[in-house]
PDB file of N, CA and C in Angstrom:
ATOM      1  N   MET A   1      -1.093 -10.245  18.720  1.00  0.00           N
ATOM      2  CA  MET A   1      -0.902 -11.440  18.078  1.00  0.00           C
ATOM      3  C   MET A   1      -1.222 -11.428  16.558  1.00  0.00           C
ATOM      4  N   ALA A   2      -0.428 -12.092  15.781  1.00  0.00           N
ATOM      5  CA  ALA A   2      -0.561 -11.982  14.301  1.00  0.00           C
ATOM      6  C   ALA A   2      -1.681 -12.729  13.791  1.00  0.00           C
ATOM      7  N   LYS A   3      -2.412 -12.207  12.798  1.00  0.00           N
ATOM      8  CA  LYS A   3      -3.514 -12.849  12.242  1.00  0.00           C
ATOM      9  C   LYS A   3      -3.144 -13.912  11.132  1.00  0.00           C
ATOM     10  N   TYR A   4      -2.057 -13.627  10.391  1.00  0.00           N
ATOM     11  CA  TYR A   4      -1.631 -14.474   9.310  1.00  0.00           C
ATOM     12  C   TYR A   4      -0.215 -14.863   9.576  1.00  0.00           C
ATOM     13  N   LYS A   5       0.128 -16.221   9.392  1.00  0.00           N
ATOM     14  CA  LYS A   5       1.432 -16.621   9.655  1.00  0.00           C
ATOM     15  C   LYS A   5       1.856 -17.746   8.604  1.00  0.00           C
ATOM     16  N   ASP A   6       3.072 -17.655   8.082  1.00  0.00           N
ATOM     17  CA  ASP A   6       3.530 -18.683   7.129  1.00  0.00           C
ATOM     18  C   ASP A   6       4.997 -18.914   7.471  1.00  0.00           C
ATOM     19  N   ILE A   7       5.497 -20.008   6.931  1.00  0.00           N
ATOM     20  CA  ILE A   7       6.903 -20.307   7.080  1.00  0.00           C
ATOM     21  C   ILE A   7       7.714 -19.273   6.208  1.00  0.00           C
ATOM     22  N   ASP A   8       8.788 -18.856   6.831  1.00  0.00           N
ATOM     23  CA  ASP A   8       9.708 -17.928   5.982  1.00  0.00           C
ATOM     24  C   ASP A   8      10.408 -18.751   4.855  1.00  0.00           C
ATOM     25  N   PHE A   9      10.304 -18.344   3.609  1.00  0.00           N
ATOM     26  CA  PHE A   9      10.872 -19.110   2.542  1.00  0.00           C
ATOM     27  C   PHE A   9      12.303 -19.081   2.511  1.00  0.00           C
ATOM     28  N   SER A  10      13.014 -18.265   3.334  1.00  0.00           N
ATOM     29  CA  SER A  10      14.463 -18.329   3.366  1.00  0.00           C
ATOM     30  C   SER A  10      14.942 -19.532   4.155  1.00  0.00           C
ATOM     31  N   PHE A  11      13.992 -20.217   4.944  1.00  0.00           N
ATOM     32  CA  PHE A  11      14.242 -21.375   5.707  1.00  0.00           C
ATOM     33  C   PHE A  11      15.303 -21.226   6.714  1.00  0.00           C
ATOM     34  N   SER A  12      15.359 -19.946   7.214  1.00  0.00           N
ATOM     35  CA  SER A  12      16.282 -19.718   8.359  1.00  0.00           C
ATOM     36  C   SER A  12      15.661 -20.221   9.647  1.00  0.00           C
ATOM     37  N   ARG A  13      16.567 -20.568  10.606  1.00  0.00           N
ATOM     38  CA  ARG A  13      16.128 -21.117  11.847  1.00  0.00           C
ATOM     39  C   ARG A  13      16.242 -20.089  12.996  1.00  0.00           C
ATOM     40  N   ASN A  14      15.362 -20.244  13.934  1.00  0.00           N
ATOM     41  CA  ASN A  14      15.449 -19.446  15.160  1.00  0.00           C
ATOM     42  C   ASN A  14      16.557 -19.940  16.030  1.00  0.00           C
ATOM     43  N   PRO A  15      17.476 -19.046  16.293  1.00  0.00           N
ATOM     44  CA  PRO A  15      18.725 -19.423  17.033  1.00  0.00           C
ATOM     45  C   PRO A  15      18.501 -20.014  18.484  1.00  0.00           C
ATOM     46  N   PHE A  16      17.202 -19.703  19.065  1.00  0.00           N
ATOM     47  CA  PHE A  16      17.067 -20.203  20.369  1.00  0.00           C
ATOM     48  C   PHE A  16      16.291 -21.490  20.343  1.00  0.00           C
ATOM     49  N   THR A  17      15.393 -21.670  19.445  1.00  0.00           N
ATOM     50  CA  THR A  17      14.470 -22.953  19.477  1.00  0.00           C
ATOM     51  C   THR A  17      15.109 -23.886  18.309  1.00  0.00           C
ATOM     52  N   GLY A  18      15.626 -23.438  17.341  1.00  0.00           N
ATOM     53  CA  GLY A  18      16.089 -24.208  16.194  1.00  0.00           C
ATOM     54  C   GLY A  18      14.914 -24.505  15.234  1.00  0.00           C
ATOM     55  N   ASP A  19      13.710 -23.992  15.498  1.00  0.00           N
ATOM     56  CA  ASP A  19      12.482 -24.109  14.618  1.00  0.00           C
ATOM     57  C   ASP A  19      12.802 -23.160  13.337  1.00  0.00           C
ATOM     58  N   LEU A  20      11.975 -23.450  12.334  1.00  0.00           N
ATOM     59  CA  LEU A  20      12.055 -22.501  11.175  1.00  0.00           C
ATOM     60  C   LEU A  20      11.303 -21.256  11.558  1.00  0.00           C
ATOM     61  N   ASN A  21      11.964 -20.139  11.069  1.00  0.00           N
ATOM     62  CA  ASN A  21      11.279 -18.807  11.423  1.00  0.00           C
ATOM     63  C   ASN A  21      10.031 -18.689  10.704  1.00  0.00           C
ATOM     64  N   ILE A  22       9.189 -17.811  11.231  1.00  0.00           N
ATOM     65  CA  ILE A  22       7.901 -17.525  10.419  1.00  0.00           C
ATOM     66  C   ILE A  22       7.819 -16.154  10.135  1.00  0.00           C
ATOM     67  N   VAL A  23       6.961 -15.832   9.089  1.00  0.00           N
ATOM     68  CA  VAL A  23       6.652 -14.364   8.755  1.00  0.00           C
ATOM     69  C   VAL A  23       5.215 -14.249   9.160  1.00  0.00           C
ATOM     70  N   GLN A  24       4.887 -12.972   9.413  1.00  0.00           N
ATOM     71  CA  GLN A  24       3.615 -12.640   9.836  1.00  0.00           C
ATOM     72  C   GLN A  24       2.892 -11.560   9.088  1.00  0.00           C
ATOM     73  N   ASP A  25       1.568 -11.536   9.109  1.00  0.00           N
ATOM     74  CA  ASP A  25       0.748 -10.436   8.517  1.00  0.00           C
ATOM     75  C   ASP A  25       1.294  -9.941   7.174  1.00  0.00           C
ATOM     76  N   SER A  26       1.665  -8.684   7.086  1.00  0.00           N
ATOM     77  CA  SER A  26       1.991  -8.103   5.867  1.00  0.00           C
ATOM     78  C   SER A  26       3.055  -8.925   5.094  1.00  0.00           C
ATOM     79  N   THR A  27       4.142  -9.331   5.731  1.00  0.00           N
ATOM     80  CA  THR A  27       5.228 -10.019   5.083  1.00  0.00           C
ATOM     81  C   THR A  27       4.719 -11.301   4.615  1.00  0.00           C
ATOM     82  N   SER A  28       3.907 -12.046   5.356  1.00  0.00           N
ATOM     83  CA  SER A  28       3.243 -13.275   4.915  1.00  0.00           C
ATOM     84  C   SER A  28       2.580 -13.168   3.662  1.00  0.00           C
ATOM     85  N   ILE A  29       1.704 -12.104   3.512  1.00  0.00           N
ATOM     86  CA  ILE A  29       0.993 -11.896   2.370  1.00  0.00           C
ATOM     87  C   ILE A  29       1.888 -11.454   1.134  1.00  0.00           C
ATOM     88  N   LYS A  30       2.787 -10.667   1.393  1.00  0.00           N
ATOM     89  CA  LYS A  30       3.712 -10.205   0.310  1.00  0.00           C
ATOM     90  C   LYS A  30       4.425 -11.400  -0.212  1.00  0.00           C
ATOM     91  N   GLN A  31       4.900 -12.286   0.663  1.00  0.00           N
ATOM     92  CA  GLN A  31       5.639 -13.554   0.312  1.00  0.00           C
ATOM     93  C   GLN A  31       4.847 -14.440  -0.538  1.00  0.00           C
ATOM     94  N   SER A  32       3.472 -14.546  -0.172  1.00  0.00           N
ATOM     95  CA  SER A  32       2.498 -15.368  -0.851  1.00  0.00           C
ATOM     96  C   SER A  32       2.283 -14.975  -2.287  1.00  0.00           C
ATOM     97  N   ILE A  33       2.049 -13.554  -2.405  1.00  0.00           N
ATOM     98  CA  ILE A  33       1.804 -12.987  -3.666  1.00  0.00           C
ATOM     99  C   ILE A  33       3.052 -13.164  -4.623  1.00  0.00           C
ATOM    100  N   LYS A  34       4.209 -12.955  -4.086  1.00  0.00           N
ATOM    101  CA  LYS A  34       5.433 -13.128  -4.910  1.00  0.00           C
ATOM    102  C   LYS A  34       5.583 -14.535  -5.355  1.00  0.00           C
ATOM    103  N   ASN A  35       5.219 -15.439  -4.479  1.00  0.00           N
ATOM    104  CA  ASN A  35       5.314 -16.892  -4.802  1.00  0.00           C
ATOM    105  C   ASN A  35       4.277 -17.260  -5.948  1.00  0.00           C
ATOM    106  N   ILE A  36       3.165 -16.676  -5.821  1.00  0.00           N
ATOM    107  CA  ILE A  36       2.039 -17.001  -6.826  1.00  0.00           C
ATOM    108  C   ILE A  36       2.516 -16.491  -8.262  1.00  0.00           C
ATOM    109  N   ILE A  37       3.057 -15.115  -8.187  1.00  0.00           N
ATOM    110  CA  ILE A  37       3.453 -14.565  -9.535  1.00  0.00           C
ATOM    111  C   ILE A  37       4.708 -15.193 -10.123  1.00  0.00           C
ATOM    112  N   LEU A  38       5.646 -15.651  -9.239  1.00  0.00           N
ATOM    113  CA  LEU A  38       6.901 -16.196  -9.837  1.00  0.00           C
ATOM    114  C   LEU A  38       6.894 -17.713 -10.132  1.00  0.00           C
ATOM    115  N   THR A  39       5.819 -18.388  -9.759  1.00  0.00           N
ATOM    116  CA  THR A  39       5.609 -19.747 -10.065  1.00  0.00           C
ATOM    117  C   THR A  39       4.925 -19.950 -11.435  1.00  0.00           C
ATOM    118  N   LEU A  40       5.617 -20.573 -12.313  1.00  0.00           N
ATOM    119  CA  LEU A  40       5.066 -20.862 -13.656  1.00  0.00           C
ATOM    120  C   LEU A  40       3.895 -21.683 -13.592  1.00  0.00           C
ATOM    121  N   LYS A  41       2.946 -21.559 -14.453  1.00  0.00           N
ATOM    122  CA  LYS A  41       1.756 -22.477 -14.641  1.00  0.00           C
ATOM    123  C   LYS A  41       2.343 -23.915 -14.978  1.00  0.00           C
ATOM    124  N   GLY A  42       1.905 -24.911 -14.263  1.00  0.00           N
ATOM    125  CA  GLY A  42       2.312 -26.236 -14.417  1.00  0.00           C
ATOM    126  C   GLY A  42       3.534 -26.704 -13.682  1.00  0.00           C
ATOM    127  N   GLU A  43       4.095 -25.782 -13.006  1.00  0.00           N
ATOM    128  CA  GLU A  43       5.304 -25.980 -12.159  1.00  0.00           C
ATOM    129  C   GLU A  43       5.005 -26.690 -10.858  1.00  0.00           C
ATOM    130  N   LYS A  44       3.913 -26.471 -10.308  1.00  0.00           N
ATOM    131  CA  LYS A  44       3.435 -26.986  -9.057  1.00  0.00           C
ATOM    132  C   LYS A  44       2.738 -28.344  -9.160  1.00  0.00           C
ATOM    133  N   SER A  45       3.413 -29.485  -8.669  1.00  0.00           N
ATOM    134  CA  SER A  45       2.779 -30.779  -8.864  1.00  0.00           C
ATOM    135  C   SER A  45       1.397 -30.834  -8.280  1.00  0.00           C
ATOM    136  N   PHE A  46       0.519 -31.504  -9.028  1.00  0.00           N
ATOM    137  CA  PHE A  46      -0.815 -31.735  -8.681  1.00  0.00           C
ATOM    138  C   PHE A  46      -1.761 -30.579  -8.572  1.00  0.00           C
ATOM    139  N   ASN A  47      -1.163 -29.313  -8.943  1.00  0.00           N
ATOM    140  CA  ASN A  47      -1.985 -28.173  -9.018  1.00  0.00           C
ATOM    141  C   ASN A  47      -1.411 -27.366 -10.174  1.00  0.00           C
ATOM    142  N   TYR A  48      -1.735 -27.872 -11.359  1.00  0.00           N
ATOM    143  CA  TYR A  48      -1.077 -27.197 -12.605  1.00  0.00           C
ATOM    144  C   TYR A  48      -1.658 -25.864 -13.029  1.00  0.00           C
ATOM    145  N   LEU A  49      -2.688 -25.522 -12.437  1.00  0.00           N
ATOM    146  CA  LEU A  49      -3.262 -24.119 -12.626  1.00  0.00           C
ATOM    147  C   LEU A  49      -2.704 -23.073 -11.786  1.00  0.00           C
ATOM    148  N   PHE A  50      -1.955 -23.488 -10.739  1.00  0.00           N
ATOM    149  CA  PHE A  50      -1.306 -22.525  -9.765  1.00  0.00           C
ATOM    150  C   PHE A  50      -0.236 -21.787 -10.527  1.00  0.00           C
ATOM    151  N   GLY A  51      -0.211 -20.467 -10.276  1.00  0.00           N
ATOM    152  CA  GLY A  51       0.904 -19.636 -10.820  1.00  0.00           C
ATOM    153  C   GLY A  51       0.411 -18.695 -11.910  1.00  0.00           C
ATOM    154  N   ALA A  52       1.365 -17.975 -12.488  1.00  0.00           N
ATOM    155  CA  ALA A  52       0.968 -17.087 -13.646  1.00  0.00           C
ATOM    156  C   ALA A  52       1.960 -17.226 -14.793  1.00  0.00           C
ATOM    157  N   SER A  53       1.601 -16.671 -15.855  1.00  0.00           N
ATOM    158  CA  SER A  53       2.469 -16.772 -17.083  1.00  0.00           C
ATOM    159  C   SER A  53       3.459 -15.532 -17.154  1.00  0.00           C
ATOM    160  N   THR A  54       4.139 -15.258 -16.089  1.00  0.00           N
ATOM    161  CA  THR A  54       4.937 -14.101 -16.132  1.00  0.00           C
ATOM    162  C   THR A  54       6.238 -14.123 -17.097  1.00  0.00           C
ATOM    163  N   GLN A  55       6.580 -15.461 -17.442  1.00  0.00           N
ATOM    164  CA  GLN A  55       7.683 -15.613 -18.382  1.00  0.00           C
ATOM    165  C   GLN A  55       7.380 -15.039 -19.665  1.00  0.00           C
ATOM    166  N   ASN A  56       6.117 -14.845 -20.005  1.00  0.00           N
ATOM    167  CA  ASN A  56       5.729 -14.213 -21.296  1.00  0.00           C
ATOM    168  C   ASN A  56       6.041 -12.703 -21.368  1.00  0.00           C
ATOM    169  N   ILE A  57       6.202 -12.109 -20.143  1.00  0.00           N
ATOM    170  CA  ILE A  57       6.557 -10.597 -20.075  1.00  0.00           C
ATOM    171  C   ILE A  57       7.928 -10.508 -20.633  1.00  0.00           C
ATOM    172  N   LEU A  58       8.791 -11.500 -20.341  1.00  0.00           N
ATOM    173  CA  LEU A  58      10.178 -11.268 -20.638  1.00  0.00           C
ATOM    174  C   LEU A  58      10.517 -11.466 -22.220  1.00  0.00           C
ATOM    175  N   PHE A  59       9.621 -12.185 -22.862  1.00  0.00           N
ATOM    176  CA  PHE A  59       9.892 -12.513 -24.259  1.00  0.00           C
ATOM    177  C   PHE A  59       9.013 -11.833 -25.198  1.00  0.00           C
ATOM    178  N   GLU A  60       7.815 -11.320 -24.784  1.00  0.00           N
ATOM    179  CA  GLU A  60       6.835 -10.730 -25.812  1.00  0.00           C
ATOM    180  C   GLU A  60       6.442  -9.462 -25.124  1.00  0.00           C
ATOM    181  N   TYR A  61       6.816  -8.320 -25.731  1.00  0.00           N
ATOM    182  CA  TYR A  61       6.364  -7.025 -25.356  1.00  0.00           C
ATOM    183  C   TYR A  61       5.241  -6.683 -26.218  1.00  0.00           C
ATOM    184  N   GLY A  62       4.362  -6.016 -25.741  1.00  0.00           N
ATOM    185  CA  GLY A  62       3.212  -5.482 -26.625  1.00  0.00           C
ATOM    186  C   GLY A  62       1.900  -5.385 -25.848  1.00  0.00           C
ATOM    187  N   GLY A  63       0.967  -4.574 -26.365  1.00  0.00           N
ATOM    188  CA  GLY A  63      -0.269  -4.336 -25.723  1.00  0.00           C
ATOM    189  C   GLY A  63      -1.091  -5.516 -25.352  1.00  0.00           C
ATOM    190  N   ASP A  64      -1.331  -6.345 -26.429  1.00  0.00           N
ATOM    191  CA  ASP A  64      -2.016  -7.678 -26.170  1.00  0.00           C
ATOM    192  C   ASP A  64      -1.465  -8.678 -25.190  1.00  0.00           C
ATOM    193  N   THR A  65      -0.124  -8.834 -25.360  1.00  0.00           N
ATOM    194  CA  THR A  65       0.522  -9.724 -24.448  1.00  0.00           C
ATOM    195  C   THR A  65       0.588  -9.259 -23.076  1.00  0.00           C
ATOM    196  N   SER A  66       0.767  -7.936 -22.930  1.00  0.00           N
ATOM    197  CA  SER A  66       0.882  -7.339 -21.565  1.00  0.00           C
ATOM    198  C   SER A  66      -0.552  -7.471 -20.848  1.00  0.00           C
ATOM    199  N   MET A  67      -1.545  -7.188 -21.570  1.00  0.00           N
ATOM    200  CA  MET A  67      -2.936  -7.216 -21.036  1.00  0.00           C
ATOM    201  C   MET A  67      -3.296  -8.703 -20.764  1.00  0.00           C
ATOM    202  N   THR A  68      -2.828  -9.737 -21.469  1.00  0.00           N
ATOM    203  CA  THR A  68      -3.043 -11.129 -21.271  1.00  0.00           C
ATOM    204  C   THR A  68      -2.403 -11.548 -19.979  1.00  0.00           C
ATOM    205  N   VAL A  69      -1.098 -11.147 -19.762  1.00  0.00           N
ATOM    206  CA  VAL A  69      -0.334 -11.448 -18.658  1.00  0.00           C
ATOM    207  C   VAL A  69      -0.829 -10.811 -17.440  1.00  0.00           C
ATOM    208  N   LEU A  70      -1.268  -9.548 -17.522  1.00  0.00           N
ATOM    209  CA  LEU A  70      -1.954  -8.865 -16.263  1.00  0.00           C
ATOM    210  C   LEU A  70      -3.169  -9.601 -15.922  1.00  0.00           C
ATOM    211  N   SER A  71      -3.934  -9.924 -16.852  1.00  0.00           N
ATOM    212  CA  SER A  71      -5.200 -10.657 -16.590  1.00  0.00           C
ATOM    213  C   SER A  71      -4.904 -11.934 -16.001  1.00  0.00           C
ATOM    214  N   ASP A  72      -3.915 -12.745 -16.343  1.00  0.00           N
ATOM    215  CA  ASP A  72      -3.617 -13.894 -15.876  1.00  0.00           C
ATOM    216  C   ASP A  72      -3.064 -13.766 -14.407  1.00  0.00           C
ATOM    217  N   ILE A  73      -2.152 -12.783 -14.191  1.00  0.00           N
ATOM    218  CA  ILE A  73      -1.875 -12.466 -12.758  1.00  0.00           C
ATOM    219  C   ILE A  73      -2.922 -12.169 -11.952  1.00  0.00           C
ATOM    220  N   ASP A  74      -3.828 -11.329 -12.364  1.00  0.00           N
ATOM    221  CA  ASP A  74      -5.005 -10.906 -11.646  1.00  0.00           C
ATOM    222  C   ASP A  74      -5.801 -12.241 -11.192  1.00  0.00           C
ATOM    223  N   THR A  75      -6.016 -13.139 -12.170  1.00  0.00           N
ATOM    224  CA  THR A  75      -6.784 -14.353 -11.935  1.00  0.00           C
ATOM    225  C   THR A  75      -6.066 -15.267 -10.963  1.00  0.00           C
ATOM    226  N   ALA A  76      -4.773 -15.296 -11.053  1.00  0.00           N
ATOM    227  CA  ALA A  76      -3.936 -16.208 -10.178  1.00  0.00           C
ATOM    228  C   ALA A  76      -4.011 -15.698  -8.730  1.00  0.00           C
ATOM    229  N   ILE A  77      -3.973 -14.352  -8.474  1.00  0.00           N
ATOM    230  CA  ILE A  77      -3.915 -13.837  -7.160  1.00  0.00           C
ATOM    231  C   ILE A  77      -5.341 -14.024  -6.602  1.00  0.00           C
ATOM    232  N   ARG A  78      -6.386 -13.651  -7.339  1.00  0.00           N
ATOM    233  CA  ARG A  78      -7.744 -13.807  -6.801  1.00  0.00           C
ATOM    234  C   ARG A  78      -8.118 -15.249  -6.524  1.00  0.00           C
ATOM    235  N   THR A  79      -7.545 -16.208  -7.293  1.00  0.00           N
ATOM    236  CA  THR A  79      -7.761 -17.681  -7.045  1.00  0.00           C
ATOM    237  C   THR A  79      -7.069 -18.237  -5.898  1.00  0.00           C
ATOM    238  N   ASN A  80      -5.806 -17.823  -5.728  1.00  0.00           N
ATOM    239  CA  ASN A  80      -4.827 -18.506  -4.792  1.00  0.00           C
ATOM    240  C   ASN A  80      -4.515 -17.703  -3.540  1.00  0.00           C
ATOM    241  N   GLU A  81      -4.973 -16.496  -3.527  1.00  0.00           N
ATOM    242  CA  GLU A  81      -4.671 -15.690  -2.243  1.00  0.00           C
ATOM    243  C   GLU A  81      -6.006 -15.132  -1.721  1.00  0.00           C
ATOM    244  N   PRO A  82      -6.712 -15.911  -0.834  1.00  0.00           N
ATOM    245  CA  PRO A  82      -8.026 -15.490  -0.473  1.00  0.00           C
ATOM    246  C   PRO A  82      -7.976 -14.411   0.651  1.00  0.00           C
ATOM    247  N   ARG A  83      -6.784 -14.133   1.217  1.00  0.00           N
ATOM    248  CA  ARG A  83      -6.653 -13.163   2.333  1.00  0.00           C
ATOM    249  C   ARG A  83      -6.734 -11.759   1.779  1.00  0.00           C
ATOM    250  N   VAL A  84      -6.584 -11.599   0.387  1.00  0.00           N
ATOM    251  CA  VAL A  84      -6.502 -10.187  -0.017  1.00  0.00           C
ATOM    252  C   VAL A  84      -7.720  -9.854  -0.970  1.00  0.00           C
ATOM    253  N   LYS A  85      -7.963  -8.584  -1.077  1.00  0.00           N
ATOM    254  CA  LYS A  85      -8.915  -8.102  -2.064  1.00  0.00           C
ATOM    255  C   LYS A  85      -8.085  -7.310  -3.073  1.00  0.00           C
ATOM    256  N   LEU A  86      -7.959  -7.822  -4.244  1.00  0.00           N
ATOM    257  CA  LEU A  86      -7.079  -7.213  -5.209  1.00  0.00           C
ATOM    258  C   LEU A  86      -7.690  -5.980  -5.859  1.00  0.00           C
ATOM    259  N   ASN A  87      -7.027  -4.936  -5.860  1.00  0.00           N
ATOM    260  CA  ASN A  87      -7.417  -3.611  -6.380  1.00  0.00           C
ATOM    261  C   ASN A  87      -6.922  -3.385  -7.783  1.00  0.00           C
ATOM    262  N   LYS A  88      -5.681  -3.565  -7.986  1.00  0.00           N
ATOM    263  CA  LYS A  88      -5.088  -3.196  -9.283  1.00  0.00           C
ATOM    264  C   LYS A  88      -3.768  -4.019  -9.534  1.00  0.00           C
ATOM    265  N   VAL A  89      -3.591  -4.414 -10.836  1.00  0.00           N
ATOM    266  CA  VAL A  89      -2.264  -5.001 -11.193  1.00  0.00           C
ATOM    267  C   VAL A  89      -1.758  -4.151 -12.340  1.00  0.00           C
ATOM    268  N   SER A  90      -0.573  -3.703 -12.324  1.00  0.00           N
ATOM    269  CA  SER A  90      -0.070  -3.037 -13.472  1.00  0.00           C
ATOM    270  C   SER A  90       1.452  -3.461 -13.854  1.00  0.00           C
ATOM    271  N   LEU A  91       1.852  -3.121 -14.927  1.00  0.00           N
ATOM    272  CA  LEU A  91       3.084  -3.563 -15.437  1.00  0.00           C
ATOM    273  C   LEU A  91       3.977  -2.373 -15.891  1.00  0.00           C
ATOM    274  N   ASN A  92       5.219  -2.368 -15.452  1.00  0.00           N
ATOM    275  CA  ASN A  92       6.221  -1.367 -15.955  1.00  0.00           C
ATOM    276  C   ASN A  92       7.399  -2.011 -16.447  1.00  0.00           C
ATOM    277  N   THR A  93       7.640  -1.874 -17.764  1.00  0.00           N
ATOM    278  CA  THR A  93       8.728  -2.598 -18.445  1.00  0.00           C
ATOM    279  C   THR A  93       9.812  -1.544 -18.905  1.00  0.00           C
ATOM    280  N   SER A  94      11.046  -1.965 -18.796  1.00  0.00           N
ATOM    281  CA  SER A  94      12.140  -1.125 -19.133  1.00  0.00           C
ATOM    282  C   SER A  94      13.286  -2.068 -19.532  1.00  0.00           C
ATOM    283  N   GLY A  95      13.541  -2.044 -20.830  1.00  0.00           N
ATOM    284  CA  GLY A  95      14.707  -2.948 -21.264  1.00  0.00           C
ATOM    285  C   GLY A  95      14.349  -4.393 -21.081  1.00  0.00           C
ATOM    286  N   THR A  96      15.117  -5.197 -20.444  1.00  0.00           N
ATOM    287  CA  THR A  96      14.934  -6.578 -20.103  1.00  0.00           C
ATOM    288  C   THR A  96      14.423  -6.917 -18.696  1.00  0.00           C
ATOM    289  N   ARG A  97      13.876  -5.781 -18.064  1.00  0.00           N
ATOM    290  CA  ARG A  97      13.347  -5.934 -16.822  1.00  0.00           C
ATOM    291  C   ARG A  97      11.883  -5.578 -16.795  1.00  0.00           C
ATOM    292  N   ALA A  98      11.153  -6.239 -16.018  1.00  0.00           N
ATOM    293  CA  ALA A  98       9.665  -5.874 -15.860  1.00  0.00           C
ATOM    294  C   ALA A  98       9.360  -5.803 -14.320  1.00  0.00           C
ATOM    295  N   GLU A  99       8.586  -4.907 -14.040  1.00  0.00           N
ATOM    296  CA  GLU A  99       8.059  -4.673 -12.650  1.00  0.00           C
ATOM    297  C   GLU A  99       6.517  -4.922 -12.643  1.00  0.00           C
ATOM    298  N   ILE A 100       6.070  -5.803 -11.811  1.00  0.00           N
ATOM    299  CA  ILE A 100       4.669  -6.099 -11.733  1.00  0.00           C
ATOM    300  C   ILE A 100       4.247  -5.464 -10.399  1.00  0.00           C
ATOM    301  N   ILE A 101       3.337  -4.435 -10.459  1.00  0.00           N
ATOM    302  CA  ILE A 101       2.903  -3.713  -9.322  1.00  0.00           C
ATOM    303  C   ILE A 101       1.539  -4.183  -8.920  1.00  0.00           C
ATOM    304  N   ILE A 102       1.368  -4.579  -7.653  1.00  0.00           N
ATOM    305  CA  ILE A 102       0.033  -5.200  -7.220  1.00  0.00           C
ATOM    306  C   ILE A 102      -0.354  -4.292  -6.052  1.00  0.00           C
ATOM    307  N   GLU A 103      -1.600  -3.828  -6.173  1.00  0.00           N
ATOM    308  CA  GLU A 103      -2.186  -3.114  -4.989  1.00  0.00           C
ATOM    309  C   GLU A 103      -3.381  -3.855  -4.534  1.00  0.00           C
ATOM    310  N   TYR A 104      -3.463  -4.053  -3.219  1.00  0.00           N
ATOM    311  CA  TYR A 104      -4.441  -4.981  -2.564  1.00  0.00           C
ATOM    312  C   TYR A 104      -4.773  -4.447  -1.300  1.00  0.00           C
ATOM    313  N   GLU A 105      -5.837  -5.035  -0.723  1.00  0.00           N
ATOM    314  CA  GLU A 105      -6.280  -4.738   0.750  1.00  0.00           C
ATOM    315  C   GLU A 105      -6.394  -6.037   1.414  1.00  0.00           C
ATOM    316  N   TYR A 106      -6.183  -5.913   2.744  1.00  0.00           N
ATOM    317  CA  TYR A 106      -6.539  -7.003   3.611  1.00  0.00           C
ATOM    318  C   TYR A 106      -6.886  -6.537   5.056  1.00  0.00           C
ATOM    319  N   SER A 107      -7.539  -7.396   5.779  1.00  0.00           N
ATOM    320  CA  SER A 107      -7.945  -6.958   7.219  1.00  0.00           C
ATOM    321  C   SER A 107      -6.986  -7.509   8.182  1.00  0.00           C
ATOM    322  N   ILE A 108      -6.716  -6.702   9.267  1.00  0.00           N
ATOM    323  CA  ILE A 108      -5.800  -7.121  10.268  1.00  0.00           C
ATOM    324  C   ILE A 108      -6.711  -7.498  11.430  1.00  0.00           C
ATOM    325  N   GLU A 109      -6.120  -8.049  12.455  1.00  0.00           N
ATOM    326  CA  GLU A 109      -6.852  -8.529  13.630  1.00  0.00           C
ATOM    327  C   GLU A 109      -7.900  -7.571  14.286  1.00  0.00           C
ATOM    328  N   SER A 110      -7.518  -6.304  14.222  1.00  0.00           N
ATOM    329  CA  SER A 110      -8.414  -5.358  14.986  1.00  0.00           C
ATOM    330  C   SER A 110      -9.633  -5.082  14.059  1.00  0.00           C
ATOM    331  N   GLY A 111      -9.660  -5.601  12.791  1.00  0.00           N
ATOM    332  CA  GLY A 111     -10.818  -5.411  11.859  1.00  0.00           C
ATOM    333  C   GLY A 111     -10.506  -4.278  10.919  1.00  0.00           C
ATOM    334  N   GLU A 112      -9.516  -3.556  11.051  1.00  0.00           N
ATOM    335  CA  GLU A 112      -9.040  -2.439  10.054  1.00  0.00           C
ATOM    336  C   GLU A 112      -8.624  -3.021   8.764  1.00  0.00           C
ATOM    337  N   THR A 113      -8.897  -2.309   7.743  1.00  0.00           N
ATOM    338  CA  THR A 113      -8.482  -2.611   6.394  1.00  0.00           C
ATOM    339  C   THR A 113      -7.142  -1.925   6.032  1.00  0.00           C
ATOM    340  N   VAL A 114      -6.193  -2.675   5.589  1.00  0.00           N
ATOM    341  CA  VAL A 114      -4.923  -2.151   5.294  1.00  0.00           C
ATOM    342  C   VAL A 114      -4.713  -2.231   3.762  1.00  0.00           C
ATOM    343  N   THR A 115      -4.295  -1.121   3.141  1.00  0.00           N
ATOM    344  CA  THR A 115      -4.058  -1.129   1.702  1.00  0.00           C
ATOM    345  C   THR A 115      -2.561  -1.010   1.507  1.00  0.00           C
ATOM    346  N   GLU A 116      -1.940  -1.986   0.731  1.00  0.00           N
ATOM    347  CA  GLU A 116      -0.557  -1.993   0.360  1.00  0.00           C
ATOM    348  C   GLU A 116      -0.268  -2.268  -1.022  1.00  0.00           C
ATOM    349  N   THR A 117       0.957  -1.946  -1.486  1.00  0.00           N
ATOM    350  CA  THR A 117       1.411  -2.141  -2.838  1.00  0.00           C
ATOM    351  C   THR A 117       2.625  -3.005  -2.711  1.00  0.00           C
ATOM    352  N   THR A 118       2.732  -4.011  -3.591  1.00  0.00           N
ATOM    353  CA  THR A 118       3.826  -4.859  -3.659  1.00  0.00           C
ATOM    354  C   THR A 118       4.483  -4.873  -5.124  1.00  0.00           C
ATOM    355  N   THR A 119       5.737  -4.765  -5.177  1.00  0.00           N
ATOM    356  CA  THR A 119       6.220  -4.817  -6.532  1.00  0.00           C
ATOM    357  C   THR A 119       7.190  -6.031  -6.635  1.00  0.00           C
ATOM    358  N   VAL A 120       6.953  -6.823  -7.752  1.00  0.00           N
ATOM    359  CA  VAL A 120       7.727  -8.022  -7.986  1.00  0.00           C
ATOM    360  C   VAL A 120       8.467  -7.753  -9.307  1.00  0.00           C
ATOM    361  N   THR A 121       9.770  -7.873  -9.282  1.00  0.00           N
ATOM    362  CA  THR A 121      10.663  -7.608 -10.460  1.00  0.00           C
ATOM    363  C   THR A 121      11.009  -8.951 -11.117  1.00  0.00           C
ATOM    364  N   THR A 122      10.922  -9.068 -12.408  1.00  0.00           N
ATOM    365  CA  THR A 122      11.386 -10.150 -13.131  1.00  0.00           C
ATOM    366  C   THR A 122      12.379  -9.664 -14.027  1.00  0.00           C
ATOM    367  N   SER A 123      13.480 -10.461 -14.232  1.00  0.00           N
ATOM    368  CA  SER A 123      14.543 -10.116 -15.194  1.00  0.00           C
ATOM    369  C   SER A 123      15.085 -11.324 -15.811  1.00  0.00           C
TER     370      SER A 123
END
């Protein structure tokens, strides 16, 4: 049985029950992290601190800006995704594309700790 469950953001329906599909465990956490990173601060009603300033990556390259954005992403994930222990956030930029690499840990139902890496691409 899955420990973590969320609604699938594709909003596809189960062909047998007609219910919205769900995502579980690893997919649920990856979806949540991507949602946090790609939501701009101020975009979520009544929770204006939710999200990160990833749009700054696209327009301002440089050491200080990159460090500020990485710090902002780190804080956003630590604040809004309590299921994970964040290990590292890094940035890889090339041209007009930026990859945000997030390394994190979470525990599964058996009590084991799983370490995963998720990459979110902005363009």
